Protein backbone atom coordinates (compact mmCIF):
# COMPACT_ATOMS: atom_id res chain seq x y z
CA UNK A 1 -39.61 0.08 -86.18
CA UNK A 2 -41.20 -2.79 -85.00
CA UNK A 3 -39.67 -4.87 -87.97
CA UNK A 4 -36.12 -3.77 -86.88
CA UNK A 5 -37.00 -4.57 -83.45
CA UNK A 6 -37.80 -8.43 -84.37
CA UNK A 7 -34.70 -8.63 -86.74
CA UNK A 8 -32.48 -7.07 -83.60
CA UNK A 9 -34.01 -9.75 -81.57
CA UNK A 10 -33.47 -12.96 -84.05
CA UNK A 11 -29.84 -11.62 -84.37
CA UNK A 12 -29.39 -11.62 -80.37
CA UNK A 13 -31.17 -15.06 -80.12
CA UNK A 14 -28.60 -16.61 -82.91
CA UNK A 15 -26.07 -15.25 -81.39
CA UNK A 16 -26.96 -16.44 -77.95
CA UNK A 17 -27.62 -20.09 -79.27
CA UNK A 18 -24.22 -19.69 -81.30
CA UNK A 19 -22.22 -18.74 -77.60
CA UNK A 20 -24.08 -21.64 -76.35
CA UNK A 21 -22.68 -24.33 -78.51
CA UNK A 22 -19.42 -23.28 -77.59
CA UNK A 23 -19.57 -24.55 -73.59
CA UNK A 24 -21.33 -27.70 -75.05
CA UNK A 25 -18.73 -28.67 -77.41
CA UNK A 26 -16.23 -28.25 -74.61
CA UNK A 27 -18.03 -30.27 -72.24
CA UNK A 28 -18.47 -32.98 -74.85
CA UNK A 29 -14.57 -32.75 -75.41
CA UNK A 30 -14.01 -32.68 -71.78
CA UNK A 31 -16.39 -35.55 -71.36
CA UNK A 32 -14.58 -37.85 -74.12
CA UNK A 33 -10.97 -37.01 -72.58
CA UNK A 34 -12.01 -37.98 -69.41
CA UNK A 35 -13.29 -41.66 -70.08
CA UNK A 36 -10.05 -42.05 -72.26
CA UNK A 37 -8.21 -40.88 -69.12
CA UNK A 38 -10.52 -43.35 -66.99
CA UNK A 39 -9.69 -46.04 -69.59
CA UNK A 40 -5.86 -45.56 -69.52
CA UNK A 41 -6.18 -45.38 -65.66
CA UNK A 42 -7.89 -49.16 -65.41
CA UNK A 43 -5.58 -50.74 -68.11
CA UNK A 44 -2.62 -49.43 -65.95
CA UNK A 45 -3.99 -50.52 -62.67
CA UNK A 46 -4.37 -54.11 -64.04
CA UNK A 47 -1.26 -53.97 -65.73
CA UNK A 48 0.36 -52.87 -62.03
CA UNK A 49 -1.63 -55.72 -60.26
CA UNK A 50 -0.28 -58.16 -62.65
CA UNK A 51 3.05 -56.87 -62.27
CA UNK A 52 2.87 -56.89 -58.85
CA UNK A 53 1.74 -60.62 -58.66
CA UNK A 54 4.48 -61.42 -60.86
CA UNK A 55 7.16 -59.30 -58.78
CA UNK A 56 5.99 -61.35 -55.63
CA UNK A 57 6.27 -64.76 -57.33
CA UNK A 58 9.81 -63.58 -58.67
CA UNK A 59 11.08 -62.41 -54.95
CA UNK A 60 9.84 -65.71 -53.38
CA UNK A 61 11.38 -68.05 -56.33
CA UNK A 62 14.80 -65.88 -55.74
CA UNK A 63 14.76 -66.00 -51.97
CA UNK A 64 14.33 -69.84 -52.23
CA UNK A 65 17.08 -70.06 -54.76
CA UNK A 66 19.45 -67.78 -52.76
CA UNK A 67 18.67 -69.67 -49.64
CA UNK A 68 20.02 -72.99 -51.66
CA UNK A 69 22.94 -71.40 -52.78
CA UNK A 70 24.02 -70.12 -49.38
CA UNK A 71 23.48 -73.58 -47.99
CA UNK A 72 25.34 -75.27 -50.76
CA UNK A 73 28.20 -72.61 -50.35
CA UNK A 74 28.62 -73.79 -46.88
CA UNK A 75 28.44 -77.83 -47.62
CA UNK A 76 31.03 -77.09 -50.07
CA UNK A 77 33.18 -75.13 -47.59
CA UNK A 78 32.88 -77.80 -45.00
CA UNK A 79 33.50 -80.54 -47.54
CA UNK A 80 30.50 -82.15 -46.76
CA UNK A 81 29.46 -84.97 -49.44
CA UNK A 82 30.32 -85.42 -52.74
CA UNK A 83 31.92 -81.85 -53.63
CA UNK A 84 31.27 -82.31 -57.41
CA UNK A 85 27.70 -83.07 -57.33
CA UNK A 86 27.47 -79.80 -55.08
CA UNK A 87 29.11 -78.08 -57.54
CA UNK A 88 26.92 -79.22 -60.38
CA UNK A 89 23.71 -78.34 -58.15
CA UNK A 90 25.19 -75.04 -57.34
CA UNK A 91 25.69 -74.22 -61.21
CA UNK A 92 22.11 -75.37 -61.82
CA UNK A 93 20.70 -73.02 -59.65
CA UNK A 94 22.73 -70.12 -60.82
CA UNK A 95 21.17 -70.81 -64.32
CA UNK A 96 17.89 -70.90 -62.73
CA UNK A 97 18.50 -67.78 -60.93
CA UNK A 98 19.93 -66.25 -63.95
CA UNK A 99 16.73 -67.13 -66.26
CA UNK A 100 14.04 -65.64 -63.84
CA UNK A 101 11.70 -63.82 -66.16
CA UNK A 102 7.97 -62.31 -65.86
CA UNK A 103 6.44 -65.38 -67.84
CA UNK A 104 7.99 -68.33 -66.25
CA UNK A 105 5.83 -70.72 -68.78
CA UNK A 106 8.16 -73.14 -70.57
CA UNK A 107 8.00 -72.44 -74.39
CA UNK A 108 6.41 -75.45 -75.35
CA UNK A 109 3.50 -74.77 -73.04
CA UNK A 110 2.92 -71.24 -73.99
CA UNK A 111 2.94 -72.38 -77.67
CA UNK A 112 -0.26 -75.00 -76.42
CA UNK A 113 -1.98 -72.50 -74.97
CA UNK A 114 -1.62 -70.04 -77.65
CA UNK A 115 -2.57 -72.45 -80.10
CA UNK A 116 -5.69 -73.38 -78.31
CA UNK A 117 -6.62 -69.73 -77.61
CA UNK A 118 -6.04 -68.76 -81.46
CA UNK A 119 -8.47 -71.67 -82.39
CA UNK A 120 -11.26 -70.43 -79.76
CA UNK A 121 -11.21 -66.97 -80.13
CA UNK A 122 -14.89 -66.88 -78.81
CA UNK A 123 -14.05 -68.65 -75.60
CA UNK A 124 -10.80 -67.34 -74.22
CA UNK A 125 -7.31 -65.46 -75.12
CA UNK A 126 -4.12 -66.18 -73.94
CA UNK A 127 -1.35 -63.46 -73.00
CA UNK A 128 1.98 -65.04 -73.64
CA UNK A 129 3.61 -61.95 -71.73
CA UNK A 130 1.84 -62.81 -68.44
CA UNK A 131 0.98 -66.44 -69.34
CA UNK A 132 -2.58 -65.48 -68.41
CA UNK A 133 -5.72 -67.10 -69.78
CA UNK A 134 -8.72 -65.12 -69.79
CA UNK A 135 -12.46 -66.74 -70.29
CA UNK A 136 -15.24 -64.75 -71.84
CA UNK A 137 -18.00 -65.08 -69.66
CA UNK A 138 -20.53 -64.64 -72.49
CA UNK A 139 -19.72 -67.86 -73.94
CA UNK A 140 -19.07 -69.69 -70.70
CA UNK A 141 -21.83 -68.50 -68.66
CA UNK A 142 -25.31 -67.33 -68.75
CA UNK A 143 -26.17 -63.88 -67.24
CA UNK A 144 -26.47 -64.45 -63.59
CA UNK A 145 -25.32 -68.38 -63.74
CA UNK A 146 -22.24 -70.38 -62.51
CA UNK A 147 -23.51 -73.15 -64.72
CA UNK A 148 -20.81 -73.55 -67.51
CA UNK A 149 -22.65 -73.57 -71.15
CA UNK A 150 -22.25 -77.08 -72.91
CA UNK A 151 -20.40 -75.48 -75.63
CA UNK A 152 -17.31 -74.75 -73.06
CA UNK A 153 -16.77 -78.48 -72.28
CA UNK A 154 -15.06 -79.34 -75.22
CA UNK A 155 -12.29 -76.49 -75.00
CA UNK A 156 -12.26 -77.16 -71.15
CA UNK A 157 -11.25 -80.86 -71.97
CA UNK A 158 -8.68 -79.92 -74.20
CA UNK A 159 -7.29 -77.24 -71.83
CA UNK A 160 -7.23 -80.09 -68.99
CA UNK A 161 -4.99 -82.39 -71.49
CA UNK A 162 -2.48 -79.36 -71.58
CA UNK A 163 -2.58 -78.74 -67.92
CA UNK A 164 -1.80 -82.55 -67.59
CA UNK A 165 1.42 -82.13 -69.71
CA UNK A 166 4.76 -82.58 -68.18
CA UNK A 167 5.64 -78.90 -68.67
CA UNK A 168 2.29 -77.53 -67.03
CA UNK A 169 2.44 -80.33 -64.42
CA UNK A 170 4.80 -77.83 -62.12
CA UNK A 171 2.16 -75.25 -61.86
CA UNK A 172 -0.28 -74.45 -60.05
CA UNK A 173 -3.80 -72.81 -61.48
CA UNK A 174 -5.19 -69.88 -60.18
CA UNK A 175 -8.94 -69.30 -61.19
CA UNK A 176 -10.32 -65.65 -60.57
CA UNK A 177 -13.79 -64.48 -61.57
CA UNK A 178 -14.90 -60.93 -62.45
CA UNK A 179 -18.20 -59.36 -63.21
CA UNK A 180 -19.24 -56.23 -64.66
CA UNK A 181 -21.17 -53.47 -62.17
CA UNK A 182 -24.51 -54.57 -63.09
CA UNK A 183 -26.04 -55.96 -59.85
CA UNK A 184 -27.39 -59.49 -59.46
CA UNK A 185 -31.14 -59.70 -59.54
CA UNK A 186 -32.37 -62.75 -60.87
CA UNK A 187 -30.10 -65.23 -58.78
CA UNK A 188 -29.85 -62.94 -55.77
CA UNK A 189 -31.32 -65.33 -53.57
CA UNK A 190 -28.48 -67.82 -54.39
CA UNK A 191 -25.36 -65.44 -54.97
CA UNK A 192 -26.26 -62.40 -53.08
CA UNK A 193 -23.71 -60.07 -54.77
CA UNK A 194 -21.25 -59.87 -57.82
CA UNK A 195 -18.41 -61.38 -55.63
CA UNK A 196 -20.07 -64.33 -54.52
CA UNK A 197 -21.23 -64.76 -58.19
CA UNK A 198 -17.47 -64.48 -59.51
CA UNK A 199 -16.24 -66.93 -57.00
CA UNK A 200 -19.06 -69.66 -57.76
CA UNK A 201 -17.88 -69.11 -61.33
CA UNK A 202 -14.26 -69.81 -60.65
CA UNK A 203 -15.12 -72.97 -58.71
CA UNK A 204 -17.32 -74.21 -61.70
CA UNK A 205 -14.71 -73.85 -64.07
CA UNK A 206 -12.31 -75.36 -61.47
CA UNK A 207 -14.67 -78.34 -61.07
CA UNK A 208 -14.83 -78.80 -64.76
CA UNK A 209 -11.21 -79.00 -64.79
CA UNK A 210 -10.81 -81.32 -62.10
CA UNK A 211 -13.55 -83.54 -63.62
CA UNK A 212 -11.46 -83.90 -66.83
CA UNK A 213 -8.33 -84.96 -64.77
CA UNK A 214 -6.53 -81.95 -63.54
CA UNK A 215 -4.91 -82.83 -59.76
CA UNK A 216 -7.42 -80.69 -57.36
CA UNK A 217 -4.52 -79.78 -55.18
CA UNK A 218 -3.22 -77.86 -57.87
CA UNK A 219 -5.83 -75.06 -57.83
CA UNK A 220 -6.82 -71.77 -56.01
CA UNK A 221 -10.11 -69.90 -56.47
CA UNK A 222 -11.23 -66.63 -55.80
CA UNK A 223 -13.53 -63.89 -56.97
CA UNK A 224 -13.42 -59.95 -57.13
CA UNK A 225 -17.00 -59.32 -58.52
CA UNK A 226 -17.14 -55.79 -59.73
CA UNK A 227 -14.03 -54.42 -58.24
CA UNK A 228 -11.24 -55.31 -60.75
CA UNK A 229 -12.84 -53.67 -64.24
CA UNK A 230 -10.56 -53.73 -66.96
CA UNK A 231 -12.78 -51.55 -69.24
CA UNK A 232 -14.81 -48.63 -68.01
CA UNK A 233 -18.66 -49.93 -67.20
CA UNK A 234 -21.45 -48.34 -68.87
CA UNK A 235 -25.17 -48.09 -68.43
CA UNK A 236 -25.32 -51.70 -68.81
CA UNK A 237 -21.97 -52.93 -67.75
CA UNK A 238 -19.51 -54.08 -69.93
CA UNK A 239 -18.95 -57.60 -71.81
CA UNK A 240 -15.38 -57.04 -71.35
CA UNK A 241 -15.53 -56.94 -67.35
CA UNK A 242 -17.36 -60.59 -67.57
CA UNK A 243 -14.63 -62.56 -67.51
CA UNK A 244 -12.51 -65.63 -65.37
CA UNK A 245 -9.24 -65.54 -65.66
CA UNK A 246 -6.51 -68.45 -65.20
CA UNK A 247 -3.13 -67.73 -63.89
CA UNK A 248 -0.34 -70.56 -63.86
CA UNK A 249 2.43 -70.31 -61.14
CA UNK A 250 5.15 -72.32 -60.00
CA UNK A 251 3.96 -75.02 -57.37
CA UNK A 252 4.39 -73.89 -53.89
CA UNK A 253 4.23 -77.28 -52.29
CA UNK A 254 5.39 -81.00 -52.61
CA UNK A 255 2.89 -82.60 -54.62
CA UNK A 256 4.58 -86.23 -53.70
CA UNK A 257 2.95 -85.39 -50.48
CA UNK A 258 -0.15 -84.46 -51.58
CA UNK A 259 -0.88 -87.17 -53.55
CA UNK A 260 0.25 -89.80 -51.15
CA UNK A 261 -2.20 -88.47 -48.34
CA UNK A 262 -4.82 -88.19 -51.20
CA UNK A 263 -4.11 -92.21 -51.77
CA UNK A 264 -5.17 -92.82 -47.92
CA UNK A 265 -8.55 -93.00 -46.24
CA UNK A 266 -9.53 -90.88 -43.64
CA UNK A 267 -9.30 -93.98 -41.39
CA UNK A 268 -5.81 -94.85 -42.80
CA UNK A 269 -4.76 -91.37 -42.27
CA UNK A 270 -5.81 -91.36 -38.54
CA UNK A 271 -4.18 -94.62 -38.11
CA UNK A 272 -1.05 -93.40 -39.45
CA UNK A 273 -1.21 -90.40 -37.00
CA UNK A 274 -1.87 -92.53 -33.99
CA UNK A 275 0.91 -95.04 -35.08
CA UNK A 276 4.11 -93.99 -33.13
CA UNK A 277 2.11 -93.98 -29.72
CA UNK A 278 0.31 -97.45 -30.14
CA UNK A 279 3.17 -99.00 -32.24
CA UNK A 280 4.10 -102.43 -30.70
CA UNK A 281 8.05 -103.23 -29.87
CA UNK A 282 9.75 -104.01 -33.36
CA UNK A 283 12.75 -106.17 -33.80
CA UNK A 284 14.32 -103.49 -36.18
CA UNK A 285 13.85 -100.05 -34.89
CA UNK A 286 12.48 -97.65 -37.23
CA UNK A 287 14.10 -94.18 -38.03
CA UNK A 288 12.00 -91.19 -36.90
CA UNK A 289 12.58 -89.64 -40.49
CA UNK A 290 11.55 -92.47 -42.24
CA UNK A 291 8.56 -91.52 -44.54
CA UNK A 292 4.91 -93.43 -43.52
CA UNK A 293 3.87 -95.87 -46.82
């Protein structure tokens, strides 16, 4: 009887253990599926953010082009100016409007950036579809630091030469920093949090490119910290989320105006501002719209 009771107990225990394995396996499967869905969601969110940025840029370009077209139509209708010249300009604007795409980088510029990325795969990657360069922080910066590693200097110098090429000179450079979700510890007194660390890293990369000759006024600097991950962060963050991204967008301002103002000293700029009120009478009057030299 005792042996039978023990046998029955063992059988019952086996059944319970076996029964317990089924929910655990289901839990593991569900957890794996959840992480996969979470990763897909992050990817979709980042693609959506890029698409929205591109859409806004295209809307601005289309609106500007349409405004030019309307103005040309008015001038052509009124017979103001050289009709043949206006027609040629009108046709050129129509071609530009028809050729607007998500990636506005010229083919030769996109090819140069792609070649640079392929020859330096441990430094950054290039997405020709969106025209984005993504620097890998583990090669570019030490943990918790905004100081560029020495090995990044040569690659940045080559990138600067590309950004200074005629094809790239018509584009602004937006530098955006990102981190994983691991808190800043060693350099907390300097940065405070990941957002500030990501901004400082963007500024460091921007400063290096300016030092290599890229015009300072072409840059925008931003940082999102841990709030724009591209993969799910683990218990120790994720190396993919530690990155700095560069986006090239068409210039939204007149570079000639910026360059002419940069050539002046502060005293010259102040004098030019006060000139209309203090200028002595001239023998030949100067038109109000004549550019200041």
